[in-house]
PDB file of all heavy atoms in Angstrom:
ATOM      1  N   GLN A   1       1.431 -52.751  64.623  1.00  0.00           N
ATOM      2  CA  GLN A   1       1.757 -53.346  65.928  1.00  0.00           C
ATOM      3  C   GLN A   1       0.581 -53.161  66.873  1.00  0.00           C
ATOM      4  O   GLN A   1       0.038 -52.080  67.004  1.00  0.00           O
ATOM      5  CB  GLN A   1       3.002 -52.709  66.524  1.00  0.00           C
ATOM      6  CG  GLN A   1       3.399 -53.367  67.829  1.00  0.00           C
ATOM      7  CD  GLN A   1       4.757 -52.884  68.314  1.00  0.00           C
ATOM      8  OE1 GLN A   1       5.527 -52.334  67.560  1.00  0.00           O
ATOM      9  NE2 GLN A   1       5.028 -53.119  69.570  1.00  0.00           N
ATOM     10  N   GLU A   2       0.208 -54.240  67.530  1.00  0.00           N
ATOM     11  CA  GLU A   2      -0.892 -54.201  68.473  1.00  0.00           C
ATOM     12  C   GLU A   2      -0.365 -53.760  69.835  1.00  0.00           C
ATOM     13  O   GLU A   2       0.762 -54.108  70.199  1.00  0.00           O
ATOM     14  CB  GLU A   2      -1.514 -55.591  68.594  1.00  0.00           C
ATOM     15  CG  GLU A   2      -2.122 -56.103  67.317  1.00  0.00           C
ATOM     16  CD  GLU A   2      -2.598 -57.543  67.447  1.00  0.00           C
ATOM     17  OE1 GLU A   2      -2.883 -57.979  68.577  1.00  0.00           O
ATOM     18  OE2 GLU A   2      -2.677 -58.219  66.418  1.00  0.00           O
ATOM     19  N   PRO A   3      -1.163 -53.032  70.594  1.00  0.00           N
ATOM     20  CA  PRO A   3      -0.732 -52.657  71.942  1.00  0.00           C
ATOM     21  C   PRO A   3      -0.475 -53.911  72.775  1.00  0.00           C
ATOM     22  O   PRO A   3      -1.178 -54.904  72.669  1.00  0.00           O
ATOM     23  CB  PRO A   3      -1.930 -51.880  72.500  1.00  0.00           C
ATOM     24  CG  PRO A   3      -2.720 -51.464  71.304  1.00  0.00           C
ATOM     25  CD  PRO A   3      -2.449 -52.486  70.240  1.00  0.00           C
ATOM     26  N   GLY A   4       0.569 -53.866  73.568  1.00  0.00           N
ATOM     27  CA  GLY A   4       0.920 -55.009  74.410  1.00  0.00           C
ATOM     28  C   GLY A   4       1.754 -56.053  73.685  1.00  0.00           C
ATOM     29  O   GLY A   4       2.052 -57.096  74.243  1.00  0.00           O
ATOM     30  N   ARG A   5       2.117 -55.795  72.444  1.00  0.00           N
ATOM     31  CA  ARG A   5       2.901 -56.758  71.649  1.00  0.00           C
ATOM     32  C   ARG A   5       4.264 -56.174  71.300  1.00  0.00           C
ATOM     33  O   ARG A   5       4.742 -56.317  70.185  1.00  0.00           O
ATOM     34  CB  ARG A   5       2.130 -57.132  70.378  1.00  0.00           C
ATOM     35  CG  ARG A   5       0.811 -57.820  70.597  1.00  0.00           C
ATOM     36  CD  ARG A   5       0.900 -59.298  70.668  1.00  0.00           C
ATOM     37  NE  ARG A   5       1.571 -59.798  69.478  1.00  0.00           N
ATOM     38  CZ  ARG A   5       2.221 -60.924  69.409  1.00  0.00           C
ATOM     39  NH1 ARG A   5       2.297 -61.700  70.441  1.00  0.00           N
ATOM     40  NH2 ARG A   5       2.811 -61.301  68.305  1.00  0.00           N
ATOM     41  N   GLU A   6       4.892 -55.500  72.271  1.00  0.00           N
ATOM     42  CA  GLU A   6       6.177 -54.855  72.018  1.00  0.00           C
ATOM     43  C   GLU A   6       7.268 -55.863  71.686  1.00  0.00           C
ATOM     44  O   GLU A   6       8.246 -55.522  71.042  1.00  0.00           O
ATOM     45  CB  GLU A   6       6.591 -54.002  73.221  1.00  0.00           C
ATOM     46  CG  GLU A   6       5.736 -52.755  73.409  1.00  0.00           C
ATOM     47  CD  GLU A   6       4.374 -53.041  74.029  1.00  0.00           C
ATOM     48  OE1 GLU A   6       4.189 -54.090  74.673  1.00  0.00           O
ATOM     49  OE2 GLU A   6       3.469 -52.204  73.831  1.00  0.00           O
ATOM     50  N   LEU A   7       7.120 -57.083  72.115  1.00  0.00           N
ATOM     51  CA  LEU A   7       8.111 -58.129  71.843  1.00  0.00           C
ATOM     52  C   LEU A   7       7.632 -59.115  70.794  1.00  0.00           C
ATOM     53  O   LEU A   7       8.048 -60.268  70.760  1.00  0.00           O
ATOM     54  CB  LEU A   7       8.480 -58.878  73.138  1.00  0.00           C
ATOM     55  CG  LEU A   7       9.198 -58.039  74.188  1.00  0.00           C
ATOM     56  CD1 LEU A   7       9.378 -58.837  75.470  1.00  0.00           C
ATOM     57  CD2 LEU A   7      10.535 -57.548  73.662  1.00  0.00           C
ATOM     58  N   ALA A   8       6.746 -58.674  69.911  1.00  0.00           N
ATOM     59  CA  ALA A   8       6.159 -59.562  68.923  1.00  0.00           C
ATOM     60  C   ALA A   8       7.220 -60.224  68.056  1.00  0.00           C
ATOM     61  O   ALA A   8       7.126 -61.413  67.762  1.00  0.00           O
ATOM     62  CB  ALA A   8       5.158 -58.802  68.039  1.00  0.00           C
ATOM     63  N   GLU A   9       8.237 -59.481  67.644  1.00  0.00           N
ATOM     64  CA  GLU A   9       9.283 -60.045  66.794  1.00  0.00           C
ATOM     65  C   GLU A   9      10.055 -61.136  67.548  1.00  0.00           C
ATOM     66  O   GLU A   9      10.326 -62.213  66.999  1.00  0.00           O
ATOM     67  CB  GLU A   9      10.242 -58.951  66.301  1.00  0.00           C
ATOM     68  CG  GLU A   9       9.585 -57.962  65.366  1.00  0.00           C
ATOM     69  CD  GLU A   9       8.808 -56.852  66.071  1.00  0.00           C
ATOM     70  OE1 GLU A   9       8.760 -56.818  67.317  1.00  0.00           O
ATOM     71  OE2 GLU A   9       8.241 -56.023  65.363  1.00  0.00           O
ATOM     72  N   ALA A  10      10.397 -60.849  68.798  1.00  0.00           N
ATOM     73  CA  ALA A  10      11.099 -61.860  69.609  1.00  0.00           C
ATOM     74  C   ALA A  10      10.199 -63.077  69.833  1.00  0.00           C
ATOM     75  O   ALA A  10      10.673 -64.220  69.808  1.00  0.00           O
ATOM     76  CB  ALA A  10      11.548 -61.256  70.944  1.00  0.00           C
ATOM     77  N   ASP A  11       8.920 -62.830  70.059  1.00  0.00           N
ATOM     78  CA  ASP A  11       7.986 -63.957  70.224  1.00  0.00           C
ATOM     79  C   ASP A  11       7.920 -64.802  68.956  1.00  0.00           C
ATOM     80  O   ASP A  11       7.880 -66.032  69.025  1.00  0.00           O
ATOM     81  CB  ASP A  11       6.578 -63.445  70.560  1.00  0.00           C
ATOM     82  CG  ASP A  11       6.481 -62.857  71.954  1.00  0.00           C
ATOM     83  OD1 ASP A  11       7.364 -63.127  72.797  1.00  0.00           O
ATOM     84  OD2 ASP A  11       5.507 -62.112  72.208  1.00  0.00           O
ATOM     85  N   TRP A  12       7.917 -64.155  67.798  1.00  0.00           N
ATOM     86  CA  TRP A  12       7.873 -64.916  66.546  1.00  0.00           C
ATOM     87  C   TRP A  12       9.146 -65.754  66.404  1.00  0.00           C
ATOM     88  O   TRP A  12       9.071 -66.939  66.013  1.00  0.00           O
ATOM     89  CB  TRP A  12       7.719 -63.984  65.333  1.00  0.00           C
ATOM     90  CG  TRP A  12       7.600 -64.806  64.080  1.00  0.00           C
ATOM     91  CD1 TRP A  12       6.453 -65.293  63.552  1.00  0.00           C
ATOM     92  CD2 TRP A  12       8.670 -65.269  63.252  1.00  0.00           C
ATOM     93  NE1 TRP A  12       6.736 -66.052  62.439  1.00  0.00           N
ATOM     94  CE2 TRP A  12       8.099 -66.047  62.239  1.00  0.00           C
ATOM     95  CE3 TRP A  12      10.040 -65.123  63.279  1.00  0.00           C
ATOM     96  CZ2 TRP A  12       8.850 -66.672  61.251  1.00  0.00           C
ATOM     97  CZ3 TRP A  12      10.804 -65.734  62.288  1.00  0.00           C
ATOM     98  CH2 TRP A  12      10.200 -66.488  61.290  1.00  0.00           C
ATOM     99  N   ILE A  13      10.286 -65.182  66.727  1.00  0.00           N
ATOM    100  CA  ILE A  13      11.553 -65.947  66.621  1.00  0.00           C
ATOM    101  C   ILE A  13      11.542 -67.115  67.601  1.00  0.00           C
ATOM    102  O   ILE A  13      11.971 -68.227  67.261  1.00  0.00           O
ATOM    103  CB  ILE A  13      12.767 -65.026  66.817  1.00  0.00           C
ATOM    104  CG1 ILE A  13      12.883 -64.088  65.603  1.00  0.00           C
ATOM    105  CG2 ILE A  13      14.051 -65.828  67.017  1.00  0.00           C
ATOM    106  CD1 ILE A  13      13.894 -62.979  65.767  1.00  0.00           C
ATOM    107  N   ASN A  14      11.019 -66.910  68.797  1.00  0.00           N
ATOM    108  CA  ASN A  14      10.897 -68.019  69.757  1.00  0.00           C
ATOM    109  C   ASN A  14       9.970 -69.103  69.212  1.00  0.00           C
ATOM    110  O   ASN A  14      10.233 -70.300  69.360  1.00  0.00           O
ATOM    111  CB  ASN A  14      10.384 -67.517  71.113  1.00  0.00           C
ATOM    112  CG  ASN A  14      11.469 -66.832  71.900  1.00  0.00           C
ATOM    113  OD1 ASN A  14      12.650 -67.128  71.749  1.00  0.00           O
ATOM    114  ND2 ASN A  14      11.067 -65.907  72.760  1.00  0.00           N
ATOM    115  N   THR A  15       8.897 -68.685  68.563  1.00  0.00           N
ATOM    116  CA  THR A  15       7.979 -69.658  67.951  1.00  0.00           C
ATOM    117  C   THR A  15       8.693 -70.432  66.849  1.00  0.00           C
ATOM    118  O   THR A  15       8.538 -71.658  66.744  1.00  0.00           O
ATOM    119  CB  THR A  15       6.728 -68.943  67.418  1.00  0.00           C
ATOM    120  OG1 THR A  15       6.084 -68.279  68.491  1.00  0.00           O
ATOM    121  CG2 THR A  15       5.779 -69.926  66.758  1.00  0.00           C
ATOM    122  N   LEU A  16       9.475 -69.744  66.029  1.00  0.00           N
ATOM    123  CA  LEU A  16      10.238 -70.416  64.987  1.00  0.00           C
ATOM    124  C   LEU A  16      11.127 -71.502  65.596  1.00  0.00           C
ATOM    125  O   LEU A  16      11.140 -72.641  65.122  1.00  0.00           O
ATOM    126  CB  LEU A  16      11.101 -69.415  64.210  1.00  0.00           C
ATOM    127  CG  LEU A  16      12.149 -70.025  63.271  1.00  0.00           C
ATOM    128  CD1 LEU A  16      11.484 -70.822  62.152  1.00  0.00           C
ATOM    129  CD2 LEU A  16      13.047 -68.935  62.712  1.00  0.00           C
ATOM    130  N   HIS A  17      11.840 -71.166  66.657  1.00  0.00           N
ATOM    131  CA  HIS A  17      12.730 -72.159  67.281  1.00  0.00           C
ATOM    132  C   HIS A  17      11.931 -73.308  67.905  1.00  0.00           C
ATOM    133  O   HIS A  17      12.387 -74.455  67.877  1.00  0.00           O
ATOM    134  CB  HIS A  17      13.635 -71.479  68.305  1.00  0.00           C
ATOM    135  CG  HIS A  17      14.650 -70.587  67.660  1.00  0.00           C
ATOM    136  ND1 HIS A  17      15.574 -71.038  66.743  1.00  0.00           N
ATOM    137  CD2 HIS A  17      14.848 -69.267  67.779  1.00  0.00           C
ATOM    138  CE1 HIS A  17      16.325 -70.030  66.342  1.00  0.00           C
ATOM    139  NE2 HIS A  17      15.890 -68.926  66.948  1.00  0.00           N
ATOM    140  N   ALA A  18      10.753 -73.010  68.429  1.00  0.00           N
ATOM    141  CA  ALA A  18       9.902 -74.074  68.968  1.00  0.00           C
ATOM    142  C   ALA A  18       9.406 -75.000  67.866  1.00  0.00           C
ATOM    143  O   ALA A  18       9.255 -76.200  68.065  1.00  0.00           O
ATOM    144  CB  ALA A  18       8.729 -73.473  69.740  1.00  0.00           C
ATOM    145  N   PHE A  19       9.164 -74.439  66.671  1.00  0.00           N
ATOM    146  CA  PHE A  19       8.672 -75.231  65.540  1.00  0.00           C
ATOM    147  C   PHE A  19       9.781 -76.014  64.848  1.00  0.00           C
ATOM    148  O   PHE A  19       9.500 -76.989  64.142  1.00  0.00           O
ATOM    149  CB  PHE A  19       8.014 -74.312  64.502  1.00  0.00           C
ATOM    150  CG  PHE A  19       6.562 -74.012  64.739  1.00  0.00           C
ATOM    151  CD1 PHE A  19       6.091 -73.643  65.988  1.00  0.00           C
ATOM    152  CD2 PHE A  19       5.654 -74.077  63.701  1.00  0.00           C
ATOM    153  CE1 PHE A  19       4.762 -73.350  66.209  1.00  0.00           C
ATOM    154  CE2 PHE A  19       4.317 -73.785  63.900  1.00  0.00           C
ATOM    155  CZ  PHE A  19       3.870 -73.419  65.145  1.00  0.00           C
ATOM    156  N   THR A  20      11.022 -75.580  64.984  1.00  0.00           N
ATOM    157  CA  THR A  20      12.126 -76.162  64.217  1.00  0.00           C
ATOM    158  C   THR A  20      12.162 -77.687  64.265  1.00  0.00           C
ATOM    159  O   THR A  20      12.308 -78.318  63.212  1.00  0.00           O
ATOM    160  CB  THR A  20      13.472 -75.532  64.651  1.00  0.00           C
ATOM    161  OG1 THR A  20      13.402 -74.136  64.383  1.00  0.00           O
ATOM    162  CG2 THR A  20      14.633 -76.132  63.896  1.00  0.00           C
ATOM    163  N   PRO A  21      11.995 -78.330  65.415  1.00  0.00           N
ATOM    164  CA  PRO A  21      12.019 -79.800  65.403  1.00  0.00           C
ATOM    165  C   PRO A  21      10.922 -80.406  64.525  1.00  0.00           C
ATOM    166  O   PRO A  21      11.096 -81.472  63.936  1.00  0.00           O
ATOM    167  CB  PRO A  21      11.814 -80.197  66.866  1.00  0.00           C
ATOM    168  CG  PRO A  21      12.229 -78.999  67.647  1.00  0.00           C
ATOM    169  CD  PRO A  21      11.911 -77.810  66.782  1.00  0.00           C
ATOM    170  N   ARG A  22       9.804 -79.709  64.385  1.00  0.00           N
ATOM    171  CA  ARG A  22       8.687 -80.192  63.562  1.00  0.00           C
ATOM    172  C   ARG A  22       8.962 -80.042  62.073  1.00  0.00           C
ATOM    173  O   ARG A  22       8.256 -80.624  61.255  1.00  0.00           O
ATOM    174  CB  ARG A  22       7.413 -79.442  63.912  1.00  0.00           C
ATOM    175  CG  ARG A  22       7.068 -79.504  65.367  1.00  0.00           C
ATOM    176  CD  ARG A  22       6.175 -80.658  65.601  1.00  0.00           C
ATOM    177  NE  ARG A  22       5.741 -80.659  66.989  1.00  0.00           N
ATOM    178  CZ  ARG A  22       5.576 -81.771  67.662  1.00  0.00           C
ATOM    179  NH1 ARG A  22       5.802 -82.923  67.091  1.00  0.00           N
ATOM    180  NH2 ARG A  22       5.188 -81.732  68.908  1.00  0.00           N
ATOM    181  N   LEU A  23       9.954 -79.248  61.722  1.00  0.00           N
ATOM    182  CA  LEU A  23      10.272 -78.999  60.313  1.00  0.00           C
ATOM    183  C   LEU A  23      11.304 -79.988  59.789  1.00  0.00           C
ATOM    184  O   LEU A  23      11.534 -80.045  58.594  1.00  0.00           O
ATOM    185  CB  LEU A  23      10.792 -77.568  60.139  1.00  0.00           C
ATOM    186  CG  LEU A  23       9.862 -76.471  60.640  1.00  0.00           C
ATOM    187  CD1 LEU A  23      10.535 -75.114  60.509  1.00  0.00           C
ATOM    188  CD2 LEU A  23       8.524 -76.495  59.910  1.00  0.00           C
ATOM    189  N   GLN A  24      11.931 -80.739  60.683  1.00  0.00           N
ATOM    190  CA  GLN A  24      12.977 -81.665  60.273  1.00  0.00           C
ATOM    191  C   GLN A  24      12.371 -82.968  59.766  1.00  0.00           C
ATOM    192  O   GLN A  24      11.442 -83.500  60.354  1.00  0.00           O
ATOM    193  CB  GLN A  24      13.909 -81.963  61.450  1.00  0.00           C
ATOM    194  CG  GLN A  24      14.639 -80.734  61.921  1.00  0.00           C
ATOM    195  CD  GLN A  24      15.416 -80.962  63.193  1.00  0.00           C
ATOM    196  OE1 GLN A  24      15.101 -81.846  63.989  1.00  0.00           O
ATOM    197  NE2 GLN A  24      16.447 -80.170  63.399  1.00  0.00           N
ATOM    198  N   LEU A  25      12.933 -83.449  58.676  1.00  0.00           N
ATOM    199  CA  LEU A  25      12.491 -84.714  58.087  1.00  0.00           C
ATOM    200  C   LEU A  25      13.714 -85.604  57.937  1.00  0.00           C
ATOM    201  O   LEU A  25      14.420 -85.538  56.930  1.00  0.00           O
ATOM    202  CB  LEU A  25      11.828 -84.457  56.727  1.00  0.00           C
ATOM    203  CG  LEU A  25      10.575 -83.598  56.770  1.00  0.00           C
ATOM    204  CD1 LEU A  25      10.212 -83.118  55.380  1.00  0.00           C
ATOM    205  CD2 LEU A  25       9.431 -84.356  57.410  1.00  0.00           C
ATOM    206  N   ALA A  26      13.976 -86.407  58.934  1.00  0.00           N
ATOM    207  CA  ALA A  26      15.183 -87.230  58.918  1.00  0.00           C
ATOM    208  C   ALA A  26      15.235 -88.121  57.683  1.00  0.00           C
ATOM    209  O   ALA A  26      16.302 -88.320  57.101  1.00  0.00           O
ATOM    210  CB  ALA A  26      15.244 -88.085  60.198  1.00  0.00           C
ATOM    211  N   ALA A  27      14.096 -88.652  57.249  1.00  0.00           N
ATOM    212  CA  ALA A  27      14.084 -89.547  56.095  1.00  0.00           C
ATOM    213  C   ALA A  27      14.535 -88.855  54.829  1.00  0.00           C
ATOM    214  O   ALA A  27      15.063 -89.487  53.915  1.00  0.00           O
ATOM    215  CB  ALA A  27      12.698 -90.142  55.905  1.00  0.00           C
ATOM    216  N   CYS A  28      14.348 -87.529  54.754  1.00  0.00           N
ATOM    217  CA  CYS A  28      14.687 -86.775  53.538  1.00  0.00           C
ATOM    218  C   CYS A  28      15.966 -85.953  53.698  1.00  0.00           C
ATOM    219  O   CYS A  28      16.315 -85.183  52.802  1.00  0.00           O
ATOM    220  CB  CYS A  28      13.533 -85.856  53.169  1.00  0.00           C
ATOM    221  SG  CYS A  28      11.983 -86.732  52.852  1.00  0.00           S
ATOM    222  N   ALA A  29      16.664 -86.098  54.817  1.00  0.00           N
ATOM    223  CA  ALA A  29      17.832 -85.279  55.107  1.00  0.00           C
ATOM    224  C   ALA A  29      18.970 -85.493  54.113  1.00  0.00           C
ATOM    225  O   ALA A  29      19.802 -84.619  53.934  1.00  0.00           O
ATOM    226  CB  ALA A  29      18.312 -85.531  56.529  1.00  0.00           C
ATOM    227  N   THR A  30      19.004 -86.625  53.449  1.00  0.00           N
ATOM    228  CA  THR A  30      20.083 -86.905  52.494  1.00  0.00           C
ATOM    229  C   THR A  30      19.875 -86.192  51.168  1.00  0.00           C
ATOM    230  O   THR A  30      20.736 -86.244  50.295  1.00  0.00           O
ATOM    231  CB  THR A  30      20.200 -88.415  52.241  1.00  0.00           C
ATOM    232  OG1 THR A  30      18.975 -88.862  51.642  1.00  0.00           O
ATOM    233  CG2 THR A  30      20.489 -89.180  53.509  1.00  0.00           C
TER     234      THR A  30
END
């Protein structure tokens, strides 16, 4: 863990949720 990154895990989860729309492929959803 780097100093100043006490919320690194929460930041990663927020990044995951921000990326989620980019991971969706409507054409392949079926």
